[in-house]
Amino acid sequence: MNRLPFWIALQFLSSLPIRLPGMPEPREMGRSLLCYPLVGLLFGSVLYALDWALAGAPLLLHGALLLTAWVLLSGGLHLDGLADSADAWLGGFGDRERTLLIMKDPRSGPIAVVTLVLVLLLKFCALLALIEQQQTVALLLAPLIGRSALLGLFLTTPYVRAGGLGQALADHLPRRVGWYVLLASALFCGALAGFKGAGAVLLAALGFCWLRQLMMRRLGGTTGDTAGALLELLEVLVLVGLALA
């Protein structure tokens, strides 16, 4: 059965009640990567609409509800990857195999908790600043850029865990079309928010290159956990950058 790649991407990246019959074929999984930016735009649209609905609400409550909705939309999937990556990076002591082993451990250590608290605190404070500045176009830009970065990561970086979902994504991604989608996403950000959109893309690109370099040095590539960490860190970087601009 052929499934639309968008629905596969939405089922994987969100907590929305999307239930497709059976497991998608590897080729379908690879093509679904092309729809990750579209899922990000959908998330951003939901957050933007919620922001409009909360107009006039107390500022702290406004920001807290937006952040809660943001986390719930993805079911904490990428935050889990960030926590696992933080534990592994510290506990791995620079060793590749030890780092990969720790990332498979479902338990979270103190460094994972501290990392999550700091990232969510930064995101919350940036949201408050953006609401006050009436720059809520950032709610569209950050999820779009974050999920476009996942496409960029699989286009440029080897997947280091043999077998599994990530390997199917990497092996069956239509690469030429992927680059076109990535370019279209960047241009859309510029069209949506002008110089601020272009600046957000540039800032995210710099953060992407730095984080990818860290992955290559330690692991020789990426995993699902480091991909989730990349997304979360780039979303925070975009929000903070726009709040300070």
C-alpha atoms as a PDB file:
ATOM      1  CA  MET A   1       0.000   0.000   0.000  1.00  0.00           C
ATOM      2  CA  ASN A   2       1.382   3.413  -0.962  1.00  0.00           C
ATOM      3  CA  ARG A   3       1.132   6.023   1.762  1.00  0.00           C
ATOM      4  CA  LEU A   4       1.521   9.753   1.351  1.00  0.00           C
ATOM      5  CA  PRO A   5       4.990  10.730   2.656  1.00  0.00           C
ATOM      6  CA  PHE A   6       3.501  13.668   4.563  1.00  0.00           C
ATOM      7  CA  TRP A   7       1.332  11.396   6.722  1.00  0.00           C
ATOM      8  CA  ILE A   8       4.300   9.148   7.476  1.00  0.00           C
ATOM      9  CA  ALA A   9       6.354  12.188   8.501  1.00  0.00           C
ATOM     10  CA  LEU A  10       3.511  13.546  10.626  1.00  0.00           C
ATOM     11  CA  GLN A  11       2.989  10.224  12.369  1.00  0.00           C
ATOM     12  CA  PHE A  12       6.688   9.950  13.186  1.00  0.00           C
ATOM     13  CA  LEU A  13       7.348  13.559  14.235  1.00  0.00           C
ATOM     14  CA  SER A  14       4.171  14.355  16.147  1.00  0.00           C
ATOM     15  CA  SER A  15       1.928  13.108  18.906  1.00  0.00           C
ATOM     16  CA  LEU A  16      -1.148  13.760  16.778  1.00  0.00           C
ATOM     17  CA  PRO A  17      -3.499  10.760  16.453  1.00  0.00           C
ATOM     18  CA  ILE A  18      -2.211   9.675  13.036  1.00  0.00           C
ATOM     19  CA  ARG A  19      -2.371   5.901  12.659  1.00  0.00           C
ATOM     20  CA  LEU A  20      -1.336   4.395   9.347  1.00  0.00           C
ATOM     21  CA  PRO A  21      -1.975   0.704   8.699  1.00  0.00           C
ATOM     22  CA  GLY A  22       1.192  -1.352   8.904  1.00  0.00           C
ATOM     23  CA  MET A  23       4.825  -0.299   8.857  1.00  0.00           C
ATOM     24  CA  PRO A  24       5.829   1.927   5.916  1.00  0.00           C
ATOM     25  CA  GLU A  25       8.269   0.470   3.421  1.00  0.00           C
ATOM     26  CA  PRO A  26      11.878   1.751   3.554  1.00  0.00           C
ATOM     27  CA  ARG A  27      11.411   3.706   0.332  1.00  0.00           C
ATOM     28  CA  GLU A  28       8.330   5.401   1.763  1.00  0.00           C
ATOM     29  CA  MET A  29      10.263   6.266   4.904  1.00  0.00           C
ATOM     30  CA  GLY A  30      13.027   7.872   2.873  1.00  0.00           C
ATOM     31  CA  ARG A  31      10.582   9.976   0.882  1.00  0.00           C
ATOM     32  CA  SER A  32       8.858  11.104   4.081  1.00  0.00           C
ATOM     33  CA  LEU A  33      12.007  13.050   4.989  1.00  0.00           C
ATOM     34  CA  LEU A  34      11.147  15.458   2.192  1.00  0.00           C
ATOM     35  CA  CYS A  35       8.027  16.425   4.143  1.00  0.00           C
ATOM     36  CA  TYR A  36       9.762  17.252   7.422  1.00  0.00           C
ATOM     37  CA  PRO A  37       9.834  21.010   6.651  1.00  0.00           C
ATOM     38  CA  LEU A  38       6.111  20.862   5.897  1.00  0.00           C
ATOM     39  CA  VAL A  39       5.468  19.230   9.280  1.00  0.00           C
ATOM     40  CA  GLY A  40       7.491  22.029  10.868  1.00  0.00           C
ATOM     41  CA  LEU A  41       5.356  24.603   9.078  1.00  0.00           C
ATOM     42  CA  LEU A  42       2.212  22.858  10.321  1.00  0.00           C
ATOM     43  CA  PHE A  43       3.506  22.942  13.901  1.00  0.00           C
ATOM     44  CA  GLY A  44       4.363  26.603  13.502  1.00  0.00           C
ATOM     45  CA  SER A  45       0.900  27.372  12.154  1.00  0.00           C
ATOM     46  CA  VAL A  46      -0.716  25.674  15.160  1.00  0.00           C
ATOM     47  CA  LEU A  47       1.490  27.678  17.546  1.00  0.00           C
ATOM     48  CA  TYR A  48       0.828  30.902  15.658  1.00  0.00           C
ATOM     49  CA  ALA A  49      -2.926  30.330  15.859  1.00  0.00           C
ATOM     50  CA  LEU A  50      -2.657  29.551  19.573  1.00  0.00           C
ATOM     51  CA  ASP A  51      -0.663  32.727  20.096  1.00  0.00           C
ATOM     52  CA  TRP A  52      -3.449  34.699  18.415  1.00  0.00           C
ATOM     53  CA  ALA A  53      -6.080  32.971  20.558  1.00  0.00           C
ATOM     54  CA  LEU A  54      -4.127  33.837  23.724  1.00  0.00           C
ATOM     55  CA  ALA A  55      -3.923  37.563  22.913  1.00  0.00           C
ATOM     56  CA  GLY A  56      -4.603  39.486  26.104  1.00  0.00           C
ATOM     57  CA  ALA A  57      -3.696  36.602  28.415  1.00  0.00           C
ATOM     58  CA  PRO A  58      -1.143  37.281  31.202  1.00  0.00           C
ATOM     59  CA  LEU A  59       2.319  37.215  29.669  1.00  0.00           C
ATOM     60  CA  LEU A  60       3.798  34.397  31.753  1.00  0.00           C
ATOM     61  CA  LEU A  61       0.739  32.202  31.254  1.00  0.00           C
ATOM     62  CA  HIS A  62       0.755  33.027  27.534  1.00  0.00           C
ATOM     63  CA  GLY A  63       4.362  31.878  27.194  1.00  0.00           C
ATOM     64  CA  ALA A  64       3.858  28.792  29.355  1.00  0.00           C
ATOM     65  CA  LEU A  65       0.862  27.629  27.307  1.00  0.00           C
ATOM     66  CA  LEU A  66       2.749  28.142  24.043  1.00  0.00           C
ATOM     67  CA  LEU A  67       5.726  26.168  25.319  1.00  0.00           C
ATOM     68  CA  THR A  68       3.481  23.396  26.631  1.00  0.00           C
ATOM     69  CA  ALA A  69       1.716  23.112  23.276  1.00  0.00           C
ATOM     70  CA  TRP A  70       5.112  23.079  21.520  1.00  0.00           C
ATOM     71  CA  VAL A  71       6.328  20.167  23.628  1.00  0.00           C
ATOM     72  CA  LEU A  72       3.044  18.261  23.353  1.00  0.00           C
ATOM     73  CA  LEU A  73       2.936  18.549  19.563  1.00  0.00           C
ATOM     74  CA  SER A  74       6.069  16.427  19.246  1.00  0.00           C
ATOM     75  CA  GLY A  75       5.384  14.295  22.308  1.00  0.00           C
ATOM     76  CA  GLY A  76       8.796  15.232  23.687  1.00  0.00           C
ATOM     77  CA  LEU A  77      10.453  13.079  21.000  1.00  0.00           C
ATOM     78  CA  HIS A  78      13.335  15.445  20.313  1.00  0.00           C
ATOM     79  CA  LEU A  79      13.751  16.435  23.943  1.00  0.00           C
ATOM     80  CA  ASP A  80      14.337  12.747  24.674  1.00  0.00           C
ATOM     81  CA  GLY A  81      17.073  12.721  22.034  1.00  0.00           C
ATOM     82  CA  LEU A  82      18.610  15.832  23.556  1.00  0.00           C
ATOM     83  CA  ALA A  83      18.632  14.249  27.020  1.00  0.00           C
ATOM     84  CA  ASP A  84      20.225  11.031  25.758  1.00  0.00           C
ATOM     85  CA  SER A  85      22.826  12.959  23.784  1.00  0.00           C
ATOM     86  CA  ALA A  86      23.727  15.167  26.746  1.00  0.00           C
ATOM     87  CA  ASP A  87      24.262  12.130  28.989  1.00  0.00           C
ATOM     88  CA  ALA A  88      26.283  10.351  26.322  1.00  0.00           C
ATOM     89  CA  TRP A  89      28.480  13.319  25.479  1.00  0.00           C
ATOM     90  CA  LEU A  90      29.550  13.786  29.067  1.00  0.00           C
ATOM     91  CA  GLY A  91      29.660  10.119  30.079  1.00  0.00           C
ATOM     92  CA  GLY A  92      31.283   8.947  26.860  1.00  0.00           C
ATOM     93  CA  PHE A  93      34.612  10.616  27.745  1.00  0.00           C
ATOM     94  CA  GLY A  94      35.347  11.138  24.063  1.00  0.00           C
ATOM     95  CA  ASP A  95      34.988   7.440  23.218  1.00  0.00           C
ATOM     96  CA  ARG A  96      32.727   6.627  20.270  1.00  0.00           C
ATOM     97  CA  GLU A  97      31.503   3.202  21.352  1.00  0.00           C
ATOM     98  CA  ARG A  98      30.875   4.270  24.939  1.00  0.00           C
ATOM     99  CA  THR A  99      28.938   7.321  23.703  1.00  0.00           C
ATOM    100  CA  LEU A 100      26.739   5.174  21.456  1.00  0.00           C
ATOM    101  CA  LEU A 101      26.143   2.697  24.280  1.00  0.00           C
ATOM    102  CA  ILE A 102      25.031   5.391  26.735  1.00  0.00           C
ATOM    103  CA  MET A 103      22.624   6.841  24.170  1.00  0.00           C
ATOM    104  CA  LYS A 104      20.809   3.490  24.093  1.00  0.00           C
ATOM    105  CA  ASP A 105      20.261   3.572  27.868  1.00  0.00           C
ATOM    106  CA  PRO A 106      16.679   4.784  28.557  1.00  0.00           C
ATOM    107  CA  ARG A 107      17.650   6.236  31.934  1.00  0.00           C
ATOM    108  CA  SER A 108      18.457   9.942  32.316  1.00  0.00           C
ATOM    109  CA  GLY A 109      21.306  11.211  34.449  1.00  0.00           C
ATOM    110  CA  PRO A 110      21.787  14.616  36.108  1.00  0.00           C
ATOM    111  CA  ILE A 111      23.380  16.199  33.030  1.00  0.00           C
ATOM    112  CA  ALA A 112      20.334  15.253  30.952  1.00  0.00           C
ATOM    113  CA  VAL A 113      17.985  16.887  33.469  1.00  0.00           C
ATOM    114  CA  VAL A 114      20.110  20.045  33.665  1.00  0.00           C
ATOM    115  CA  THR A 115      20.287  20.267  29.874  1.00  0.00           C
ATOM    116  CA  LEU A 116      16.526  19.916  29.468  1.00  0.00           C
ATOM    117  CA  VAL A 117      15.841  22.522  32.154  1.00  0.00           C
ATOM    118  CA  LEU A 118      18.235  25.023  30.556  1.00  0.00           C
ATOM    119  CA  VAL A 119      16.902  24.486  27.026  1.00  0.00           C
ATOM    120  CA  LEU A 120      13.266  24.811  28.104  1.00  0.00           C
ATOM    121  CA  LEU A 121      14.091  27.852  30.232  1.00  0.00           C
ATOM    122  CA  LEU A 122      15.816  29.548  27.308  1.00  0.00           C
ATOM    123  CA  LYS A 123      12.922  28.719  25.009  1.00  0.00           C
ATOM    124  CA  PHE A 124      10.384  30.032  27.531  1.00  0.00           C
ATOM    125  CA  CYS A 125      12.242  33.308  28.126  1.00  0.00           C
ATOM    126  CA  ALA A 126      12.759  33.829  24.398  1.00  0.00           C
ATOM    127  CA  LEU A 127       9.041  33.262  23.818  1.00  0.00           C
ATOM    128  CA  LEU A 128       8.177  35.884  26.441  1.00  0.00           C
ATOM    129  CA  ALA A 129      10.495  38.395  24.775  1.00  0.00           C
ATOM    130  CA  LEU A 130       9.103  37.666  21.310  1.00  0.00           C
ATOM    131  CA  ILE A 131       5.514  38.015  22.527  1.00  0.00           C
ATOM    132  CA  GLU A 132       6.347  41.389  24.076  1.00  0.00           C
ATOM    133  CA  GLN A 133       8.104  42.481  20.877  1.00  0.00           C
ATOM    134  CA  GLN A 134       5.204  41.205  18.743  1.00  0.00           C
ATOM    135  CA  GLN A 135       7.651  39.085  16.736  1.00  0.00           C
ATOM    136  CA  THR A 136       5.588  35.926  16.826  1.00  0.00           C
ATOM    137  CA  VAL A 137       6.506  35.113  13.229  1.00  0.00           C
ATOM    138  CA  ALA A 138       9.290  33.275  15.080  1.00  0.00           C
ATOM    139  CA  LEU A 139       6.665  30.674  15.968  1.00  0.00           C
ATOM    140  CA  LEU A 140       6.515  29.810  12.266  1.00  0.00           C
ATOM    141  CA  LEU A 141      10.233  30.068  11.597  1.00  0.00           C
ATOM    142  CA  ALA A 142      11.709  27.988  14.440  1.00  0.00           C
ATOM    143  CA  PRO A 143       9.747  24.728  13.897  1.00  0.00           C
ATOM    144  CA  LEU A 144      10.218  24.995  10.130  1.00  0.00           C
ATOM    145  CA  ILE A 145      13.964  25.572  10.390  1.00  0.00           C
ATOM    146  CA  GLY A 146      14.388  22.866  13.027  1.00  0.00           C
ATOM    147  CA  ARG A 147      12.727  20.164  10.948  1.00  0.00           C
ATOM    148  CA  SER A 148      14.403  21.346   7.758  1.00  0.00           C
ATOM    149  CA  ALA A 149      17.671  20.842   9.622  1.00  0.00           C
ATOM    150  CA  LEU A 150      16.806  17.160  10.057  1.00  0.00           C
ATOM    151  CA  LEU A 151      16.528  16.869   6.288  1.00  0.00           C
ATOM    152  CA  GLY A 152      19.842  18.693   5.937  1.00  0.00           C
ATOM    153  CA  LEU A 153      21.455  16.381   8.468  1.00  0.00           C
ATOM    154  CA  PHE A 154      20.455  13.218   6.616  1.00  0.00           C
ATOM    155  CA  LEU A 155      21.572  14.789   3.333  1.00  0.00           C
ATOM    156  CA  THR A 156      25.060  15.575   4.605  1.00  0.00           C
ATOM    157  CA  THR A 157      25.870  13.174   7.439  1.00  0.00           C
ATOM    158  CA  PRO A 158      26.282   9.385   7.628  1.00  0.00           C
ATOM    159  CA  TYR A 159      23.908   7.465   9.885  1.00  0.00           C
ATOM    160  CA  VAL A 160      26.050   5.386  12.224  1.00  0.00           C
ATOM    161  CA  ARG A 161      23.630   2.804  13.661  1.00  0.00           C
ATOM    162  CA  ALA A 162      23.225  -0.087  11.248  1.00  0.00           C
ATOM    163  CA  GLY A 163      19.620  -1.135  10.678  1.00  0.00           C
ATOM    164  CA  GLY A 164      16.523   0.456  12.117  1.00  0.00           C
ATOM    165  CA  LEU A 165      14.435   3.413  11.149  1.00  0.00           C
ATOM    166  CA  GLY A 166      17.213   5.955  10.748  1.00  0.00           C
ATOM    167  CA  GLN A 167      19.074   3.714   8.335  1.00  0.00           C
ATOM    168  CA  ALA A 168      15.980   3.411   6.136  1.00  0.00           C
ATOM    169  CA  LEU A 169      15.641   7.186   6.116  1.00  0.00           C
ATOM    170  CA  ALA A 170      19.265   7.678   5.141  1.00  0.00           C
ATOM    171  CA  ASP A 171      19.379   4.953   2.487  1.00  0.00           C
ATOM    172  CA  HIS A 172      16.152   5.850   0.695  1.00  0.00           C
ATOM    173  CA  LEU A 173      16.168   9.651   0.844  1.00  0.00           C
ATOM    174  CA  PRO A 174      15.849  11.119  -2.701  1.00  0.00           C
ATOM    175  CA  ARG A 175      18.909  13.324  -2.393  1.00  0.00           C
ATOM    176  CA  ARG A 176      18.551  15.647  -5.362  1.00  0.00           C
ATOM    177  CA  VAL A 177      14.945  16.439  -4.490  1.00  0.00           C
ATOM    178  CA  GLY A 178      16.020  16.810  -0.860  1.00  0.00           C
ATOM    179  CA  TRP A 179      18.405  19.636  -1.737  1.00  0.00           C
ATOM    180  CA  TYR A 180      15.647  21.399  -3.671  1.00  0.00           C
ATOM    181  CA  VAL A 181      13.289  21.077  -0.702  1.00  0.00           C
ATOM    182  CA  LEU A 182      15.958  22.429   1.639  1.00  0.00           C
ATOM    183  CA  LEU A 183      16.582  25.417  -0.632  1.00  0.00           C
ATOM    184  CA  ALA A 184      12.856  26.065  -0.975  1.00  0.00           C
ATOM    185  CA  SER A 185      12.491  26.021   2.819  1.00  0.00           C
ATOM    186  CA  ALA A 186      15.268  28.589   3.236  1.00  0.00           C
ATOM    187  CA  LEU A 187      13.762  30.850   0.563  1.00  0.00           C
ATOM    188  CA  PHE A 188      10.341  30.543   2.169  1.00  0.00           C
ATOM    189  CA  CYS A 189      11.748  31.735   5.499  1.00  0.00           C
ATOM    190  CA  GLY A 190      13.154  34.808   3.756  1.00  0.00           C
ATOM    191  CA  ALA A 191       9.867  35.461   1.976  1.00  0.00           C
ATOM    192  CA  LEU A 192       7.934  35.009   5.228  1.00  0.00           C
ATOM    193  CA  ALA A 193       9.990  37.289   7.453  1.00  0.00           C
ATOM    194  CA  GLY A 194      12.341  39.260   5.212  1.00  0.00           C
ATOM    195  CA  PHE A 195      15.753  40.025   6.677  1.00  0.00           C
ATOM    196  CA  LYS A 196      14.787  38.466  10.007  1.00  0.00           C
ATOM    197  CA  GLY A 197      13.888  35.233   8.247  1.00  0.00           C
ATOM    198  CA  ALA A 198      17.131  35.247   6.285  1.00  0.00           C
ATOM    199  CA  GLY A 199      19.072  36.011   9.471  1.00  0.00           C
ATOM    200  CA  ALA A 200      17.378  33.132  11.277  1.00  0.00           C
ATOM    201  CA  VAL A 201      18.347  30.760   8.466  1.00  0.00           C
ATOM    202  CA  LEU A 202      21.952  31.984   8.532  1.00  0.00           C
ATOM    203  CA  LEU A 203      22.177  31.651  12.311  1.00  0.00           C
ATOM    204  CA  ALA A 204      20.709  28.146  12.164  1.00  0.00           C
ATOM    205  CA  ALA A 205      23.129  27.194   9.379  1.00  0.00           C
ATOM    206  CA  LEU A 206      26.093  28.243  11.532  1.00  0.00           C
ATOM    207  CA  GLY A 207      24.722  26.294  14.489  1.00  0.00           C
ATOM    208  CA  PHE A 208      24.081  23.302  12.230  1.00  0.00           C
ATOM    209  CA  CYS A 209      27.670  23.266  10.957  1.00  0.00           C
ATOM    210  CA  TRP A 210      29.082  23.439  14.492  1.00  0.00           C
ATOM    211  CA  LEU A 211      26.839  20.689  15.865  1.00  0.00           C
ATOM    212  CA  ARG A 212      27.445  18.478  12.837  1.00  0.00           C
ATOM    213  CA  GLN A 213      31.183  18.896  13.337  1.00  0.00           C
ATOM    214  CA  LEU A 214      30.816  17.719  16.939  1.00  0.00           C
ATOM    215  CA  MET A 215      28.903  14.645  15.769  1.00  0.00           C
ATOM    216  CA  MET A 216      31.483  13.816  13.126  1.00  0.00           C
ATOM    217  CA  ARG A 217      34.369  14.127  15.564  1.00  0.00           C
ATOM    218  CA  ARG A 218      32.804  11.966  18.243  1.00  0.00           C
ATOM    219  CA  LEU A 219      30.683   9.492  16.251  1.00  0.00           C
ATOM    220  CA  GLY A 220      31.637   9.806  12.595  1.00  0.00           C
ATOM    221  CA  GLY A 221      27.995  10.607  11.823  1.00  0.00           C
ATOM    222  CA  THR A 222      24.588  10.987  13.410  1.00  0.00           C
ATOM    223  CA  THR A 223      22.010   8.928  15.271  1.00  0.00           C
ATOM    224  CA  GLY A 224      18.330   9.487  15.961  1.00  0.00           C
ATOM    225  CA  ASP A 225      19.212  10.955  19.362  1.00  0.00           C
ATOM    226  CA  THR A 226      21.744  13.447  18.025  1.00  0.00           C
ATOM    227  CA  ALA A 227      19.290  14.415  15.283  1.00  0.00           C
ATOM    228  CA  GLY A 228      16.696  15.220  17.956  1.00  0.00           C
ATOM    229  CA  ALA A 229      19.283  17.196  19.927  1.00  0.00           C
ATOM    230  CA  LEU A 230      20.181  19.158  16.804  1.00  0.00           C
ATOM    231  CA  LEU A 231      16.544  20.108  16.223  1.00  0.00           C
ATOM    232  CA  GLU A 232      15.977  21.268  19.810  1.00  0.00           C
ATOM    233  CA  LEU A 233      19.186  23.290  19.973  1.00  0.00           C
ATOM    234  CA  LEU A 234      18.556  24.993  16.633  1.00  0.00           C
ATOM    235  CA  GLU A 235      14.998  25.910  17.632  1.00  0.00           C
ATOM    236  CA  VAL A 236      16.360  27.558  20.788  1.00  0.00           C
ATOM    237  CA  LEU A 237      19.107  29.287  18.813  1.00  0.00           C
ATOM    238  CA  VAL A 238      16.591  30.746  16.353  1.00  0.00           C
ATOM    239  CA  LEU A 239      14.225  31.937  19.106  1.00  0.00           C
ATOM    240  CA  VAL A 240      16.990  33.523  21.173  1.00  0.00           C
ATOM    241  CA  GLY A 241      18.584  35.088  18.100  1.00  0.00           C
ATOM    242  CA  LEU A 242      15.309  36.662  16.971  1.00  0.00           C
ATOM    243  CA  ALA A 243      14.532  37.868  20.496  1.00  0.00           C
ATOM    244  CA  LEU A 244      17.904  39.613  20.680  1.00  0.00           C
ATOM    245  CA  ALA A 245      17.823  41.021  17.138  1.00  0.00           C
END
